N, C-alpha and C. Protein backbone atom coordinates (compact mmCIF):
# COMPACT_ATOMS: atom_id res chain seq x y z
N UNK A 1 -39.03 -21.43 9.15
CA UNK A 1 -38.78 -20.12 9.68
C UNK A 1 -38.70 -19.13 8.52
N UNK A 2 -39.43 -18.04 8.66
CA UNK A 2 -39.45 -17.02 7.61
C UNK A 2 -38.42 -15.95 7.94
N UNK A 3 -37.77 -15.49 6.90
CA UNK A 3 -36.79 -14.42 7.04
C UNK A 3 -37.17 -13.28 6.12
N UNK A 4 -37.05 -12.09 6.63
CA UNK A 4 -37.26 -10.93 5.80
C UNK A 4 -35.89 -10.40 5.37
N UNK A 5 -35.71 -10.21 4.10
CA UNK A 5 -34.44 -9.69 3.62
C UNK A 5 -34.67 -8.40 2.88
N UNK A 6 -33.73 -7.52 3.01
CA UNK A 6 -33.83 -6.26 2.27
C UNK A 6 -33.08 -6.45 0.96
N UNK A 7 -33.40 -5.65 0.01
CA UNK A 7 -32.75 -5.75 -1.30
C UNK A 7 -31.27 -5.49 -1.18
N UNK A 8 -30.48 -6.24 -1.92
CA UNK A 8 -29.04 -6.09 -1.90
C UNK A 8 -28.62 -4.82 -2.65
N UNK A 9 -29.30 -4.52 -3.73
CA UNK A 9 -28.93 -3.39 -4.56
C UNK A 9 -29.69 -2.14 -4.09
N UNK A 10 -28.97 -1.07 -3.89
CA UNK A 10 -29.57 0.20 -3.52
C UNK A 10 -29.73 1.04 -4.76
N UNK A 11 -30.91 1.55 -5.01
CA UNK A 11 -31.10 2.34 -6.24
C UNK A 11 -30.21 3.60 -6.24
N UNK A 12 -29.64 3.90 -7.40
CA UNK A 12 -28.75 5.06 -7.55
C UNK A 12 -29.36 5.99 -8.59
N UNK A 13 -29.39 7.28 -8.27
CA UNK A 13 -29.93 8.22 -9.25
C UNK A 13 -28.89 8.53 -10.33
N UNK A 14 -29.28 9.25 -11.35
CA UNK A 14 -28.40 9.50 -12.50
C UNK A 14 -27.17 10.33 -12.11
N UNK A 15 -27.33 11.31 -11.21
CA UNK A 15 -26.20 12.12 -10.82
C UNK A 15 -25.14 11.30 -10.11
N UNK A 16 -25.56 10.41 -9.22
CA UNK A 16 -24.63 9.56 -8.50
C UNK A 16 -23.93 8.59 -9.47
N UNK A 17 -24.67 8.07 -10.43
CA UNK A 17 -24.07 7.15 -11.40
C UNK A 17 -23.04 7.87 -12.25
N UNK A 18 -23.34 9.12 -12.63
CA UNK A 18 -22.41 9.90 -13.44
C UNK A 18 -21.11 10.17 -12.64
N UNK A 19 -21.26 10.49 -11.35
CA UNK A 19 -20.10 10.75 -10.49
C UNK A 19 -19.26 9.48 -10.31
N UNK A 20 -19.89 8.34 -10.17
CA UNK A 20 -19.15 7.09 -9.98
C UNK A 20 -18.42 6.64 -11.24
N UNK A 21 -18.95 6.95 -12.39
CA UNK A 21 -18.33 6.47 -13.64
C UNK A 21 -17.48 7.54 -14.31
N UNK A 22 -17.27 8.69 -13.66
CA UNK A 22 -16.50 9.77 -14.23
C UNK A 22 -15.02 9.34 -14.33
N UNK A 23 -14.39 9.63 -15.45
CA UNK A 23 -12.98 9.28 -15.65
C UNK A 23 -12.11 10.38 -15.07
N UNK A 24 -11.09 9.98 -14.35
CA UNK A 24 -10.14 10.95 -13.80
C UNK A 24 -8.77 10.71 -14.37
N UNK A 25 -7.99 11.76 -14.47
CA UNK A 25 -6.64 11.66 -14.99
C UNK A 25 -5.72 11.15 -13.90
N UNK A 26 -4.78 10.31 -14.25
CA UNK A 26 -3.82 9.76 -13.27
C UNK A 26 -2.61 10.65 -13.16
N UNK A 27 -2.04 10.71 -11.98
CA UNK A 27 -0.81 11.47 -11.79
C UNK A 27 0.29 10.48 -11.38
N UNK A 28 1.49 10.80 -11.75
CA UNK A 28 2.62 9.95 -11.41
C UNK A 28 3.08 10.25 -9.99
N UNK A 29 3.48 9.24 -9.30
CA UNK A 29 3.99 9.40 -7.94
C UNK A 29 5.37 10.06 -8.00
N UNK A 30 5.64 10.93 -7.06
CA UNK A 30 6.93 11.67 -7.06
C UNK A 30 8.10 10.71 -6.87
N UNK A 31 7.95 9.70 -6.01
CA UNK A 31 9.08 8.78 -5.80
C UNK A 31 9.38 7.94 -7.03
N UNK A 32 8.38 7.68 -7.85
CA UNK A 32 8.62 6.92 -9.08
C UNK A 32 9.44 7.76 -10.06
N UNK A 33 9.19 9.05 -10.09
CA UNK A 33 9.97 9.92 -10.97
C UNK A 33 11.41 10.02 -10.49
N UNK A 34 11.64 10.05 -9.19
CA UNK A 34 12.98 10.15 -8.66
C UNK A 34 13.78 8.89 -9.01
N UNK A 35 13.14 7.71 -8.89
CA UNK A 35 13.84 6.46 -9.22
C UNK A 35 14.18 6.41 -10.72
N UNK A 36 13.34 6.99 -11.55
CA UNK A 36 13.59 6.97 -12.98
C UNK A 36 14.77 7.88 -13.34
N UNK A 37 15.05 8.86 -12.47
CA UNK A 37 16.13 9.79 -12.77
C UNK A 37 17.48 9.26 -12.36
N UNK A 38 17.56 8.09 -11.76
CA UNK A 38 18.86 7.52 -11.44
C UNK A 38 19.06 7.22 -9.96
N UNK A 39 18.17 7.63 -9.10
CA UNK A 39 18.30 7.27 -7.69
C UNK A 39 18.11 5.77 -7.55
N UNK A 40 18.97 5.16 -6.73
CA UNK A 40 18.88 3.70 -6.65
C UNK A 40 17.70 3.28 -5.76
N UNK A 41 17.21 2.09 -5.98
CA UNK A 41 16.13 1.59 -5.18
C UNK A 41 16.68 0.58 -4.18
N UNK A 42 15.81 -0.02 -3.41
CA UNK A 42 16.20 -0.98 -2.37
C UNK A 42 16.77 -2.21 -3.05
N UNK A 43 18.00 -2.55 -2.74
CA UNK A 43 18.66 -3.66 -3.39
C UNK A 43 19.08 -4.75 -2.41
N UNK A 44 19.85 -5.72 -2.89
CA UNK A 44 20.25 -6.85 -2.05
C UNK A 44 21.22 -6.40 -0.95
N UNK A 45 22.03 -5.38 -1.22
CA UNK A 45 22.96 -4.87 -0.21
C UNK A 45 22.17 -4.24 0.94
N UNK A 46 21.12 -3.52 0.61
CA UNK A 46 20.29 -2.88 1.63
C UNK A 46 19.61 -3.95 2.49
N UNK A 47 19.16 -5.02 1.86
CA UNK A 47 18.53 -6.13 2.59
C UNK A 47 19.55 -6.77 3.51
N UNK A 48 20.77 -6.98 3.03
CA UNK A 48 21.80 -7.59 3.84
C UNK A 48 22.10 -6.71 5.06
N UNK A 49 22.22 -5.39 4.86
CA UNK A 49 22.48 -4.48 5.98
C UNK A 49 21.34 -4.50 7.00
N UNK A 50 20.11 -4.54 6.54
CA UNK A 50 18.99 -4.57 7.46
C UNK A 50 19.00 -5.85 8.30
N UNK A 51 19.28 -6.99 7.65
CA UNK A 51 19.36 -8.26 8.39
C UNK A 51 20.51 -8.26 9.38
N UNK A 52 21.65 -7.66 9.00
CA UNK A 52 22.79 -7.57 9.89
C UNK A 52 22.47 -6.76 11.12
N UNK A 53 21.76 -5.66 10.94
CA UNK A 53 21.38 -4.83 12.08
C UNK A 53 20.41 -5.58 13.01
N UNK A 54 19.50 -6.36 12.43
CA UNK A 54 18.58 -7.16 13.24
C UNK A 54 19.32 -8.19 14.08
N UNK A 55 20.31 -8.85 13.46
CA UNK A 55 21.09 -9.86 14.18
C UNK A 55 21.87 -9.22 15.32
N UNK A 56 22.46 -8.05 15.08
CA UNK A 56 23.24 -7.41 16.13
C UNK A 56 22.35 -6.97 17.28
N UNK A 57 21.18 -6.43 16.97
CA UNK A 57 20.27 -6.01 18.03
C UNK A 57 19.78 -7.21 18.83
N UNK A 58 19.51 -8.31 18.19
CA UNK A 58 19.06 -9.51 18.86
C UNK A 58 20.14 -10.04 19.80
N UNK A 59 21.40 -10.01 19.35
CA UNK A 59 22.48 -10.49 20.21
C UNK A 59 22.69 -9.54 21.39
N UNK A 60 22.53 -8.26 21.19
CA UNK A 60 22.67 -7.31 22.29
C UNK A 60 21.54 -7.50 23.35
N UNK A 61 20.32 -7.76 22.83
CA UNK A 61 19.21 -8.00 23.76
C UNK A 61 19.49 -9.25 24.62
N UNK A 62 20.04 -10.30 23.98
CA UNK A 62 20.36 -11.51 24.73
C UNK A 62 21.46 -11.24 25.76
N UNK A 63 22.42 -10.40 25.40
CA UNK A 63 23.54 -10.12 26.26
C UNK A 63 23.09 -9.33 27.50
N UNK A 64 22.13 -8.38 27.32
CA UNK A 64 21.67 -7.56 28.44
C UNK A 64 20.65 -8.29 29.33
N UNK A 65 20.02 -9.33 28.83
CA UNK A 65 19.02 -10.04 29.64
C UNK A 65 19.63 -11.13 30.44
């Protein structure tokens, strides 16, 4: 059985290649700057509180059903 395949690589002109390889400057995320200034991040206490809320909601769902 014969199969016709098209080329995998699509030819790119010089302008497109220049646009694809152009270097851009990076910017810092605003939330990263806030955390660096002393705002606390998600910690073990926050994880414990989230799990506690999940357990309470699950028990309430069981109680109402």
